[in-house]
PDB file of N, CA and C in Angstrom:
ATOM      1  N   MET A   1      16.892  -5.440   7.825  1.00  0.00           N
ATOM      2  CA  MET A   1      16.913  -5.119   6.163  1.00  0.00           C
ATOM      3  C   MET A   1      16.133  -3.405   6.774  1.00  0.00           C
ATOM      4  N   SER A   2      16.647  -3.122   5.289  1.00  0.00           N
ATOM      5  CA  SER A   2      16.269  -1.326   5.799  1.00  0.00           C
ATOM      6  C   SER A   2      15.514  -1.131   4.288  1.00  0.00           C
ATOM      7  N   ASN A   3      14.272  -0.112   4.530  1.00  0.00           N
ATOM      8  CA  ASN A   3      13.198  -0.092   2.803  1.00  0.00           C
ATOM      9  C   ASN A   3      13.445   1.352   2.993  1.00  0.00           C
ATOM     10  N   THR A   4      13.038   1.706   1.812  1.00  0.00           N
ATOM     11  CA  THR A   4      12.293   3.072   1.519  1.00  0.00           C
ATOM     12  C   THR A   4      11.247   2.974   1.098  1.00  0.00           C
ATOM     13  N   TYR A   5      10.225   3.665   0.334  1.00  0.00           N
ATOM     14  CA  TYR A   5       9.170   4.256   0.735  1.00  0.00           C
ATOM     15  C   TYR A   5       8.742   4.989  -0.500  1.00  0.00           C
ATOM     16  N   CYS A   6       7.631   4.718  -1.447  1.00  0.00           N
ATOM     17  CA  CYS A   6       7.502   5.436  -2.555  1.00  0.00           C
ATOM     18  C   CYS A   6       5.808   5.591  -2.706  1.00  0.00           C
ATOM     19  N   ILE A   7       4.971   5.998  -3.620  1.00  0.00           N
ATOM     20  CA  ILE A   7       3.869   6.409  -4.209  1.00  0.00           C
ATOM     21  C   ILE A   7       3.829   5.566  -5.766  1.00  0.00           C
ATOM     22  N   ALA A   8       3.400   4.688  -6.239  1.00  0.00           N
ATOM     23  CA  ALA A   8       3.836   4.293  -7.375  1.00  0.00           C
ATOM     24  C   ALA A   8       2.070   3.858  -8.199  1.00  0.00           C
ATOM     25  N   THR A   9       1.784   3.741  -9.527  1.00  0.00           N
ATOM     26  CA  THR A   9       0.849   3.398 -10.123  1.00  0.00           C
ATOM     27  C   THR A   9       0.641   1.877 -10.374  1.00  0.00           C
ATOM     28  N   ASN A  10       0.339   0.969 -10.141  1.00  0.00           N
ATOM     29  CA  ASN A  10       0.561  -0.355 -10.736  1.00  0.00           C
ATOM     30  C   ASN A  10      -0.199  -0.747 -11.586  1.00  0.00           C
ATOM     31  N   TRP A  11       0.258  -0.826 -12.831  1.00  0.00           N
ATOM     32  CA  TRP A  11      -0.392  -0.266 -14.705  1.00  0.00           C
ATOM     33  C   TRP A  11      -0.154  -2.064 -14.917  1.00  0.00           C
ATOM     34  N   GLY A  12      -0.138  -2.840 -14.155  1.00  0.00           N
ATOM     35  CA  GLY A  12      -0.772  -4.510 -14.796  1.00  0.00           C
ATOM     36  C   GLY A  12       0.844  -5.348 -14.612  1.00  0.00           C
ATOM     37  N   LYS A  13       0.930  -6.345 -15.856  1.00  0.00           N
ATOM     38  CA  LYS A  13       2.153  -6.697 -17.015  1.00  0.00           C
ATOM     39  C   LYS A  13       3.447  -6.297 -16.739  1.00  0.00           C
ATOM     40  N   ASP A  14       4.357  -6.794 -15.760  1.00  0.00           N
ATOM     41  CA  ASP A  14       5.416  -5.828 -15.840  1.00  0.00           C
ATOM     42  C   ASP A  14       6.584  -4.846 -14.615  1.00  0.00           C
ATOM     43  N   PHE A  15       4.776  -4.502 -14.099  1.00  0.00           N
ATOM     44  CA  PHE A  15       4.730  -3.190 -13.825  1.00  0.00           C
ATOM     45  C   PHE A  15       5.968  -3.784 -12.349  1.00  0.00           C
ATOM     46  N   PHE A  16       6.505  -4.733 -12.215  1.00  0.00           N
ATOM     47  CA  PHE A  16       7.033  -5.680 -11.182  1.00  0.00           C
ATOM     48  C   PHE A  16       7.130  -7.159 -11.276  1.00  0.00           C
ATOM     49  N   THR A  17       8.363  -7.309 -11.889  1.00  0.00           N
ATOM     50  CA  THR A  17       9.077  -9.172 -12.285  1.00  0.00           C
ATOM     51  C   THR A  17       9.489 -10.241 -11.534  1.00  0.00           C
ATOM     52  N   ALA A  18       9.570 -11.484 -11.362  1.00  0.00           N
ATOM     53  CA  ALA A  18      10.258 -12.002 -10.697  1.00  0.00           C
ATOM     54  C   ALA A  18      11.517 -11.225 -10.159  1.00  0.00           C
ATOM     55  N   GLU A  19      12.459 -10.943 -11.310  1.00  0.00           N
ATOM     56  CA  GLU A  19      13.911 -11.272 -10.933  1.00  0.00           C
ATOM     57  C   GLU A  19      13.296  -9.972 -10.117  1.00  0.00           C
ATOM     58  N   ASP A  20      12.252  -9.116  -9.952  1.00  0.00           N
ATOM     59  CA  ASP A  20      12.476  -7.247  -9.722  1.00  0.00           C
ATOM     60  C   ASP A  20      12.824  -8.209  -7.778  1.00  0.00           C
ATOM     61  N   ARG A  21      11.566  -9.012  -7.892  1.00  0.00           N
ATOM     62  CA  ARG A  21      10.926  -9.837  -6.452  1.00  0.00           C
ATOM     63  C   ARG A  21      11.892 -11.057  -5.657  1.00  0.00           C
ATOM     64  N   ASN A  22      13.218 -11.299  -6.363  1.00  0.00           N
ATOM     65  CA  ASN A  22      14.631 -11.772  -6.192  1.00  0.00           C
ATOM     66  C   ASN A  22      15.856 -10.759  -5.728  1.00  0.00           C
ATOM     67  N   ASN A  23      15.824  -9.625  -6.532  1.00  0.00           N
ATOM     68  CA  ASN A  23      16.294  -8.869  -6.224  1.00  0.00           C
ATOM     69  C   ASN A  23      15.839  -8.099  -4.877  1.00  0.00           C
ATOM     70  N   PHE A  24      14.574  -7.559  -4.401  1.00  0.00           N
ATOM     71  CA  PHE A  24      14.793  -6.668  -3.649  1.00  0.00           C
ATOM     72  C   PHE A  24      12.992  -7.189  -3.071  1.00  0.00           C
ATOM     73  N   TYR A  25      13.193  -6.683  -2.109  1.00  0.00           N
ATOM     74  CA  TYR A  25      11.737  -6.551  -1.379  1.00  0.00           C
ATOM     75  C   TYR A  25      11.092  -5.578  -1.385  1.00  0.00           C
ATOM     76  N   LEU A  26       9.776  -6.032  -1.749  1.00  0.00           N
ATOM     77  CA  LEU A  26       8.647  -5.125  -2.297  1.00  0.00           C
ATOM     78  C   LEU A  26       7.033  -5.652  -1.453  1.00  0.00           C
ATOM     79  N   SER A  27       7.135  -4.537  -0.966  1.00  0.00           N
ATOM     80  CA  SER A  27       5.375  -5.126  -0.773  1.00  0.00           C
ATOM     81  C   SER A  27       4.320  -3.722  -0.768  1.00  0.00           C
ATOM     82  N   GLN A  28       3.009  -3.954  -1.325  1.00  0.00           N
ATOM     83  CA  GLN A  28       2.253  -3.152  -1.571  1.00  0.00           C
ATOM     84  C   GLN A  28       1.551  -2.726  -0.689  1.00  0.00           C
ATOM     85  N   HIS A  29       0.983  -1.174  -0.133  1.00  0.00           N
ATOM     86  CA  HIS A  29      -0.197  -1.318   1.039  1.00  0.00           C
ATOM     87  C   HIS A  29      -1.111   0.124   0.455  1.00  0.00           C
ATOM     88  N   GLN A  30      -1.904   0.330   0.602  1.00  0.00           N
ATOM     89  CA  GLN A  30      -3.505   0.968   0.181  1.00  0.00           C
ATOM     90  C   GLN A  30      -2.927   2.539  -0.205  1.00  0.00           C
ATOM     91  N   GLY A  31      -3.271   2.892  -1.013  1.00  0.00           N
ATOM     92  CA  GLY A  31      -2.491   4.701  -1.094  1.00  0.00           C
ATOM     93  C   GLY A  31      -3.248   5.465  -0.863  1.00  0.00           C
ATOM     94  N   PRO A  32      -3.181   6.912  -1.355  1.00  0.00           N
ATOM     95  CA  PRO A  32      -4.020   7.705  -0.898  1.00  0.00           C
ATOM     96  C   PRO A  32      -5.179   8.145  -2.297  1.00  0.00           C
ATOM     97  N   ASP A  33      -5.847   9.036  -1.537  1.00  0.00           N
ATOM     98  CA  ASP A  33      -7.002   9.033  -2.432  1.00  0.00           C
ATOM     99  C   ASP A  33      -6.658  10.266  -3.078  1.00  0.00           C
ATOM    100  N   TYR A  34      -6.676  10.112  -4.778  1.00  0.00           N
ATOM    101  CA  TYR A  34      -6.641  10.990  -5.348  1.00  0.00           C
ATOM    102  C   TYR A  34      -7.932  11.531  -6.376  1.00  0.00           C
ATOM    103  N   PRO A  35      -8.024  12.734  -6.079  1.00  0.00           N
ATOM    104  CA  PRO A  35      -9.630  13.428  -7.563  1.00  0.00           C
ATOM    105  C   PRO A  35      -9.136  12.624  -8.987  1.00  0.00           C
ATOM    106  N   ASP A  36      -8.414  12.466  -9.604  1.00  0.00           N
ATOM    107  CA  ASP A  36      -8.230  11.325 -10.611  1.00  0.00           C
ATOM    108  C   ASP A  36      -8.922   9.873 -10.590  1.00  0.00           C
ATOM    109  N   ASN A  37      -8.794   9.077  -9.487  1.00  0.00           N
ATOM    110  CA  ASN A  37      -8.734   8.592  -9.185  1.00  0.00           C
ATOM    111  C   ASN A  37      -7.907   6.905  -9.521  1.00  0.00           C
ATOM    112  N   SER A  38      -5.898   7.687 -10.021  1.00  0.00           N
ATOM    113  CA  SER A  38      -5.588   7.135 -10.943  1.00  0.00           C
ATOM    114  C   SER A  38      -4.975   5.800  -9.768  1.00  0.00           C
ATOM    115  N   GLY A  39      -5.390   5.244  -8.831  1.00  0.00           N
ATOM    116  CA  GLY A  39      -5.197   4.537  -8.108  1.00  0.00           C
ATOM    117  C   GLY A  39      -3.357   3.948  -7.536  1.00  0.00           C
ATOM    118  N   LYS A  40      -3.106   5.001  -7.282  1.00  0.00           N
ATOM    119  CA  LYS A  40      -1.447   5.031  -6.532  1.00  0.00           C
ATOM    120  C   LYS A  40      -1.804   4.026  -5.185  1.00  0.00           C
ATOM    121  N   GLN A  41      -0.544   3.572  -5.158  1.00  0.00           N
ATOM    122  CA  GLN A  41      -0.805   2.750  -3.943  1.00  0.00           C
ATOM    123  C   GLN A  41       0.878   2.962  -3.492  1.00  0.00           C
ATOM    124  N   ILE A  42       0.730   2.701  -2.134  1.00  0.00           N
ATOM    125  CA  ILE A  42       2.045   2.815  -1.196  1.00  0.00           C
ATOM    126  C   ILE A  42       3.126   1.734  -1.908  1.00  0.00           C
ATOM    127  N   TRP A  43       4.272   1.750  -1.636  1.00  0.00           N
ATOM    128  CA  TRP A  43       5.213   0.630  -1.851  1.00  0.00           C
ATOM    129  C   TRP A  43       5.736   0.573  -0.554  1.00  0.00           C
ATOM    130  N   VAL A  44       6.307  -0.214  -0.779  1.00  0.00           N
ATOM    131  CA  VAL A  44       7.397  -0.514   0.497  1.00  0.00           C
ATOM    132  C   VAL A  44       8.986  -0.885   0.070  1.00  0.00           C
ATOM    133  N   VAL A  45       9.802  -0.834  -0.586  1.00  0.00           N
ATOM    134  CA  VAL A  45      10.564  -1.739  -0.887  1.00  0.00           C
ATOM    135  C   VAL A  45      12.050  -1.736  -0.702  1.00  0.00           C
ATOM    136  N   GLY A  46      12.678  -2.506  -1.008  1.00  0.00           N
ATOM    137  CA  GLY A  46      14.103  -3.162  -0.222  1.00  0.00           C
ATOM    138  C   GLY A  46      15.008  -1.076  -0.507  1.00  0.00           C
ATOM    139  N   ALA A  47      15.736  -1.233   0.581  1.00  0.00           N
ATOM    140  CA  ALA A  47      16.486  -0.375   0.156  1.00  0.00           C
ATOM    141  C   ALA A  47      18.118  -0.501  -0.957  1.00  0.00           C
ATOM    142  N   ASN A  48      17.987  -1.254  -1.732  1.00  0.00           N
ATOM    143  CA  ASN A  48      19.225  -1.533  -2.187  1.00  0.00           C
ATOM    144  C   ASN A  48      19.139  -0.772  -4.202  1.00  0.00           C
ATOM    145  N   ALA A  49      20.453  -0.832  -4.605  1.00  0.00           N
ATOM    146  CA  ALA A  49      20.695  -0.127  -5.787  1.00  0.00           C
ATOM    147  C   ALA A  49      19.282  -0.697  -6.968  1.00  0.00           C
ATOM    148  N   ALA A  50      19.217  -1.751  -6.520  1.00  0.00           N
ATOM    149  CA  ALA A  50      17.688  -2.631  -7.369  1.00  0.00           C
ATOM    150  C   ALA A  50      16.501  -1.985  -7.180  1.00  0.00           C
ATOM    151  N   GLY A  51      16.346  -1.742  -5.814  1.00  0.00           N
ATOM    152  CA  GLY A  51      14.932  -0.810  -5.386  1.00  0.00           C
ATOM    153  C   GLY A  51      15.113   0.667  -5.982  1.00  0.00           C
ATOM    154  N   VAL A  52      16.138   1.331  -5.667  1.00  0.00           N
ATOM    155  CA  VAL A  52      15.853   2.198  -6.376  1.00  0.00           C
ATOM    156  C   VAL A  52      15.721   2.390  -7.538  1.00  0.00           C
ATOM    157  N   ALA A  53      16.438   1.236  -8.352  1.00  0.00           N
ATOM    158  CA  ALA A  53      16.360   1.736 -10.020  1.00  0.00           C
ATOM    159  C   ALA A  53      15.202   1.291 -10.250  1.00  0.00           C
ATOM    160  N   TRP A  54      13.893   0.163  -9.211  1.00  0.00           N
ATOM    161  CA  TRP A  54      12.652   0.005 -10.105  1.00  0.00           C
ATOM    162  C   TRP A  54      12.200   1.459  -8.990  1.00  0.00           C
ATOM    163  N   ILE A  55      12.252   1.993  -8.349  1.00  0.00           N
ATOM    164  CA  ILE A  55      10.964   3.419  -7.956  1.00  0.00           C
ATOM    165  C   ILE A  55      11.147   3.949  -9.627  1.00  0.00           C
ATOM    166  N   ASN A  56      13.048   4.196 -10.179  1.00  0.00           N
ATOM    167  CA  ASN A  56      12.941   5.123 -10.733  1.00  0.00           C
ATOM    168  C   ASN A  56      12.410   4.549 -12.323  1.00  0.00           C
ATOM    169  N   ARG A  57      12.318   3.569 -12.523  1.00  0.00           N
ATOM    170  CA  ARG A  57      11.315   2.524 -13.741  1.00  0.00           C
ATOM    171  C   ARG A  57      10.214   2.810 -13.347  1.00  0.00           C
ATOM    172  N   VAL A  58       9.035   2.750 -12.176  1.00  0.00           N
ATOM    173  CA  VAL A  58       7.782   2.952 -12.600  1.00  0.00           C
ATOM    174  C   VAL A  58       7.581   4.583 -11.871  1.00  0.00           C
ATOM    175  N   SER A  59       8.428   5.227 -11.966  1.00  0.00           N
ATOM    176  CA  SER A  59       8.350   6.291 -12.125  1.00  0.00           C
ATOM    177  C   SER A  59       7.083   6.483 -10.469  1.00  0.00           C
ATOM    178  N   GLY A  60       8.065   6.048  -9.728  1.00  0.00           N
ATOM    179  CA  GLY A  60       7.363   6.310  -8.206  1.00  0.00           C
ATOM    180  C   GLY A  60       7.920   7.714  -7.560  1.00  0.00           C
ATOM    181  N   THR A  61       7.560   8.168  -6.506  1.00  0.00           N
ATOM    182  CA  THR A  61       7.221   9.456  -5.939  1.00  0.00           C
ATOM    183  C   THR A  61       8.048   8.875  -4.409  1.00  0.00           C
ATOM    184  N   ALA A  62       9.361   9.210  -3.793  1.00  0.00           N
ATOM    185  CA  ALA A  62       9.485   9.116  -2.956  1.00  0.00           C
ATOM    186  C   ALA A  62       8.866   9.810  -1.676  1.00  0.00           C
ATOM    187  N   ILE A  63       8.585   8.540  -0.442  1.00  0.00           N
ATOM    188  CA  ILE A  63       7.883   9.601   0.694  1.00  0.00           C
ATOM    189  C   ILE A  63       8.476   8.987   1.818  1.00  0.00           C
ATOM    190  N   THR A  64       8.871   9.803   2.888  1.00  0.00           N
ATOM    191  CA  THR A  64       9.159   8.518   3.901  1.00  0.00           C
ATOM    192  C   THR A  64       8.590   7.909   4.325  1.00  0.00           C
ATOM    193  N   LYS A  65       9.357   7.173   5.336  1.00  0.00           N
ATOM    194  CA  LYS A  65       7.844   6.168   6.068  1.00  0.00           C
ATOM    195  C   LYS A  65       7.139   6.655   6.798  1.00  0.00           C
ATOM    196  N   ALA A  66       7.126   7.331   7.771  1.00  0.00           N
ATOM    197  CA  ALA A  66       5.876   8.491   8.897  1.00  0.00           C
ATOM    198  C   ALA A  66       5.145   9.151   7.660  1.00  0.00           C
ATOM    199  N   GLU A  67       5.392   9.400   6.343  1.00  0.00           N
ATOM    200  CA  GLU A  67       4.283   9.735   5.564  1.00  0.00           C
ATOM    201  C   GLU A  67       3.963   8.740   4.648  1.00  0.00           C
ATOM    202  N   ALA A  68       4.469   7.394   4.860  1.00  0.00           N
ATOM    203  CA  ALA A  68       3.520   6.409   4.483  1.00  0.00           C
ATOM    204  C   ALA A  68       2.660   5.985   5.290  1.00  0.00           C
ATOM    205  N   GLN A  69       2.970   5.882   6.424  1.00  0.00           N
ATOM    206  CA  GLN A  69       2.174   5.122   7.639  1.00  0.00           C
ATOM    207  C   GLN A  69       1.537   5.638   7.771  1.00  0.00           C
ATOM    208  N   ALA A  70       0.980   7.532   7.141  1.00  0.00           N
ATOM    209  CA  ALA A  70       0.202   8.129   7.994  1.00  0.00           C
ATOM    210  C   ALA A  70      -0.752   8.238   7.100  1.00  0.00           C
ATOM    211  N   ILE A  71      -0.378   7.724   5.881  1.00  0.00           N
ATOM    212  CA  ILE A  71      -1.256   7.642   4.366  1.00  0.00           C
ATOM    213  C   ILE A  71      -2.497   6.128   4.781  1.00  0.00           C
ATOM    214  N   VAL A  72      -1.521   5.327   5.074  1.00  0.00           N
ATOM    215  CA  VAL A  72      -1.931   3.398   4.933  1.00  0.00           C
ATOM    216  C   VAL A  72      -3.117   3.760   6.339  1.00  0.00           C
ATOM    217  N   ASP A  73      -2.806   4.484   7.582  1.00  0.00           N
ATOM    218  CA  ASP A  73      -3.789   4.851   8.568  1.00  0.00           C
ATOM    219  C   ASP A  73      -4.792   5.113   8.563  1.00  0.00           C
ATOM    220  N   GLU A  74      -4.956   6.423   7.591  1.00  0.00           N
ATOM    221  CA  GLU A  74      -5.672   7.503   7.484  1.00  0.00           C
ATOM    222  C   GLU A  74      -6.885   6.324   6.463  1.00  0.00           C
ATOM    223  N   LYS A  75      -6.489   5.832   5.159  1.00  0.00           N
ATOM    224  CA  LYS A  75      -7.263   4.411   4.532  1.00  0.00           C
ATOM    225  C   LYS A  75      -8.130   3.392   5.650  1.00  0.00           C
ATOM    226  N   ILE A  76      -7.401   2.940   6.221  1.00  0.00           N
ATOM    227  CA  ILE A  76      -7.767   1.560   7.550  1.00  0.00           C
ATOM    228  C   ILE A  76      -8.828   2.486   8.410  1.00  0.00           C
ATOM    229  N   GLU A  77      -8.611   3.837   8.957  1.00  0.00           N
ATOM    230  CA  GLU A  77      -9.594   4.332   9.719  1.00  0.00           C
ATOM    231  C   GLU A  77     -10.583   4.542   8.377  1.00  0.00           C
ATOM    232  N   ALA A  78     -11.338   4.998   7.866  1.00  0.00           N
ATOM    233  CA  ALA A  78     -12.424   5.422   6.922  1.00  0.00           C
ATOM    234  C   ALA A  78     -12.954   3.682   6.667  1.00  0.00           C
ATOM    235  N   ARG A  79     -12.133   2.462   6.563  1.00  0.00           N
ATOM    236  CA  ARG A  79     -13.089   1.388   6.595  1.00  0.00           C
ATOM    237  C   ARG A  79     -13.182   1.229   7.640  1.00  0.00           C
ATOM    238  N   GLN A  80     -12.736   1.817   8.618  1.00  0.00           N
ATOM    239  CA  GLN A  80     -12.937   0.776  10.250  1.00  0.00           C
ATOM    240  C   GLN A  80     -14.415   1.844  10.266  1.00  0.00           C
ATOM    241  N   VAL A  81     -14.726   3.382   9.880  1.00  0.00           N
ATOM    242  CA  VAL A  81     -15.598   3.991   9.658  1.00  0.00           C
ATOM    243  C   VAL A  81     -17.046   3.321   9.187  1.00  0.00           C
ATOM    244  N   ARG A  82     -16.335   2.935   8.157  1.00  0.00           N
ATOM    245  CA  ARG A  82     -17.746   2.408   7.046  1.00  0.00           C
ATOM    246  C   ARG A  82     -18.018   0.675   8.211  1.00  0.00           C
ATOM    247  N   TRP A  83     -17.026   0.067   7.957  1.00  0.00           N
ATOM    248  CA  TRP A  83     -17.576  -1.623   8.760  1.00  0.00           C
ATOM    249  C   TRP A  83     -18.621  -0.848  10.077  1.00  0.00           C
ATOM    250  N   ASP A  84     -17.763   0.115  10.782  1.00  0.00           N
ATOM    251  CA  ASP A  84     -18.538   0.624  11.866  1.00  0.00           C
ATOM    252  C   ASP A  84     -19.858   0.881  12.534  1.00  0.00           C
ATOM    253  N   GLY A  85     -19.816   1.506  10.437  1.00  0.00           N
ATOM    254  CA  GLY A  85     -22.011   1.787  10.453  1.00  0.00           C
ATOM    255  C   GLY A  85     -22.501   0.756  10.043  1.00  0.00           C
ATOM    256  N   LEU A  86     -21.924  -0.349   9.144  1.00  0.00           N
ATOM    257  CA  LEU A  86     -22.643  -1.570   9.017  1.00  0.00           C
ATOM    258  C   LEU A  86     -24.214  -2.061  10.227  1.00  0.00           C
ATOM    259  N   PRO A  87     -25.101  -2.795   9.883  1.00  0.00           N
ATOM    260  CA  PRO A  87     -25.926  -3.335  10.365  1.00  0.00           C
ATOM    261  C   PRO A  87     -25.159  -4.452  11.112  1.00  0.00           C
ATOM    262  N   ALA A  88     -25.476  -4.492  12.387  1.00  0.00           N
ATOM    263  CA  ALA A  88     -25.126  -6.423  13.367  1.00  0.00           C
ATOM    264  C   ALA A  88     -24.946  -7.189  12.349  1.00  0.00           C
ATOM    265  N   GLU A  89     -26.108  -7.417  11.518  1.00  0.00           N
ATOM    266  CA  GLU A  89     -26.629  -8.481  10.887  1.00  0.00           C
ATOM    267  C   GLU A  89     -25.122  -8.743   9.899  1.00  0.00           C
ATOM    268  N   GLU A  90     -24.782  -7.402   9.315  1.00  0.00           N
ATOM    269  CA  GLU A  90     -23.867  -7.166   8.338  1.00  0.00           C
ATOM    270  C   GLU A  90     -22.304  -7.756   9.351  1.00  0.00           C
ATOM    271  N   LYS A  91     -22.475  -7.791   9.910  1.00  0.00           N
ATOM    272  CA  LYS A  91     -20.809  -7.639  10.772  1.00  0.00           C
ATOM    273  C   LYS A  91     -20.784  -9.778  11.291  1.00  0.00           C
ATOM    274  N   ALA A  92     -21.493  -9.798  11.340  1.00  0.00           N
ATOM    275  CA  ALA A  92     -21.267 -11.179  11.329  1.00  0.00           C
ATOM    276  C   ALA A  92     -20.525 -11.939  10.611  1.00  0.00           C
ATOM    277  N   PRO A  93     -20.212 -13.330  11.162  1.00  0.00           N
ATOM    278  CA  PRO A  93     -18.243 -14.161  10.542  1.00  0.00           C
ATOM    279  C   PRO A  93     -19.161 -14.443   9.248  1.00  0.00           C
ATOM    280  N   ALA A  94     -20.095 -14.670   9.072  1.00  0.00           N
ATOM    281  CA  ALA A  94     -20.683 -15.707   8.050  1.00  0.00           C
ATOM    282  C   ALA A  94     -20.378 -14.101   7.015  1.00  0.00           C
ATOM    283  N   ASN A  95     -21.402 -13.890   6.898  1.00  0.00           N
ATOM    284  CA  ASN A  95     -20.855 -12.264   5.570  1.00  0.00           C
ATOM    285  C   ASN A  95     -20.649 -11.382   5.811  1.00  0.00           C
ATOM    286  N   SER A  96     -19.167 -11.198   6.661  1.00  0.00           N
ATOM    287  CA  SER A  96     -18.676  -9.645   6.666  1.00  0.00           C
ATOM    288  C   SER A  96     -16.915 -10.021   6.654  1.00  0.00           C
ATOM    289  N   TYR A  97     -16.168  -9.835   6.028  1.00  0.00           N
ATOM    290  CA  TYR A  97     -15.070  -9.537   6.949  1.00  0.00           C
ATOM    291  C   TYR A  97     -14.485  -9.053   8.184  1.00  0.00           C
ATOM    292  N   ALA A  98     -13.327  -8.859   9.181  1.00  0.00           N
ATOM    293  CA  ALA A  98     -13.461  -8.259  10.780  1.00  0.00           C
ATOM    294  C   ALA A  98     -12.772  -7.237  10.122  1.00  0.00           C
ATOM    295  N   ARG A  99     -13.657  -6.598  11.574  1.00  0.00           N
ATOM    296  CA  ARG A  99     -12.629  -4.658  11.344  1.00  0.00           C
ATOM    297  C   ARG A  99     -11.575  -4.701  10.992  1.00  0.00           C
ATOM    298  N   PRO A 100     -11.552  -4.125  10.110  1.00  0.00           N
ATOM    299  CA  PRO A 100     -10.139  -3.674   9.300  1.00  0.00           C
ATOM    300  C   PRO A 100      -9.160  -3.496  10.902  1.00  0.00           C
ATOM    301  N   LYS A 101      -7.949  -3.612  10.554  1.00  0.00           N
ATOM    302  CA  LYS A 101      -6.441  -3.276  11.689  1.00  0.00           C
ATOM    303  C   LYS A 101      -5.806  -2.808  11.064  1.00  0.00           C
ATOM    304  N   LYS A 102      -5.650  -1.706  12.178  1.00  0.00           N
ATOM    305  CA  LYS A 102      -3.658  -1.085  12.084  1.00  0.00           C
ATOM    306  C   LYS A 102      -2.915  -2.183  12.204  1.00  0.00           C
ATOM    307  N   TYR A 103      -1.868  -1.639  11.343  1.00  0.00           N
ATOM    308  CA  TYR A 103      -0.582  -2.305  11.104  1.00  0.00           C
ATOM    309  C   TYR A 103       1.095  -1.475  11.078  1.00  0.00           C
ATOM    310  N   ILE A 104       1.627  -2.220  11.674  1.00  0.00           N
ATOM    311  CA  ILE A 104       2.772  -0.235  11.060  1.00  0.00           C
ATOM    312  C   ILE A 104       3.475  -1.045   9.921  1.00  0.00           C
ATOM    313  N   LEU A 105       4.228  -0.903   9.210  1.00  0.00           N
ATOM    314  CA  LEU A 105       4.739  -0.914   7.597  1.00  0.00           C
ATOM    315  C   LEU A 105       5.964  -1.597   7.883  1.00  0.00           C
ATOM    316  N   PRO A 106       6.686  -2.017   7.866  1.00  0.00           N
ATOM    317  CA  PRO A 106       7.292  -2.704   7.192  1.00  0.00           C
ATOM    318  C   PRO A 106       8.587  -2.379   7.419  1.00  0.00           C
TER     319      PRO A 106
END
């Protein structure tokens, strides 16, 4: 399966529909930080006509997989630094989530 990548802001209701989910692959990942705190996210979208139409409908900005991966990696690395700075008591399994891990976008 081939995918395309974009940055878009999820505005809530009807940002994507059940029909969209049936017509193409869609997954959300951490997005870049913007000064206006716009909440933009990375979206991995199935590379078919319905997926491309959705990107246009939500005013998404197309990016390459390498650009998307770099943004996601940067966000995860920042979360790892914050986690690493926690006191040992807060890292205990009963008190904290596991250290964030990098992953490869689909």
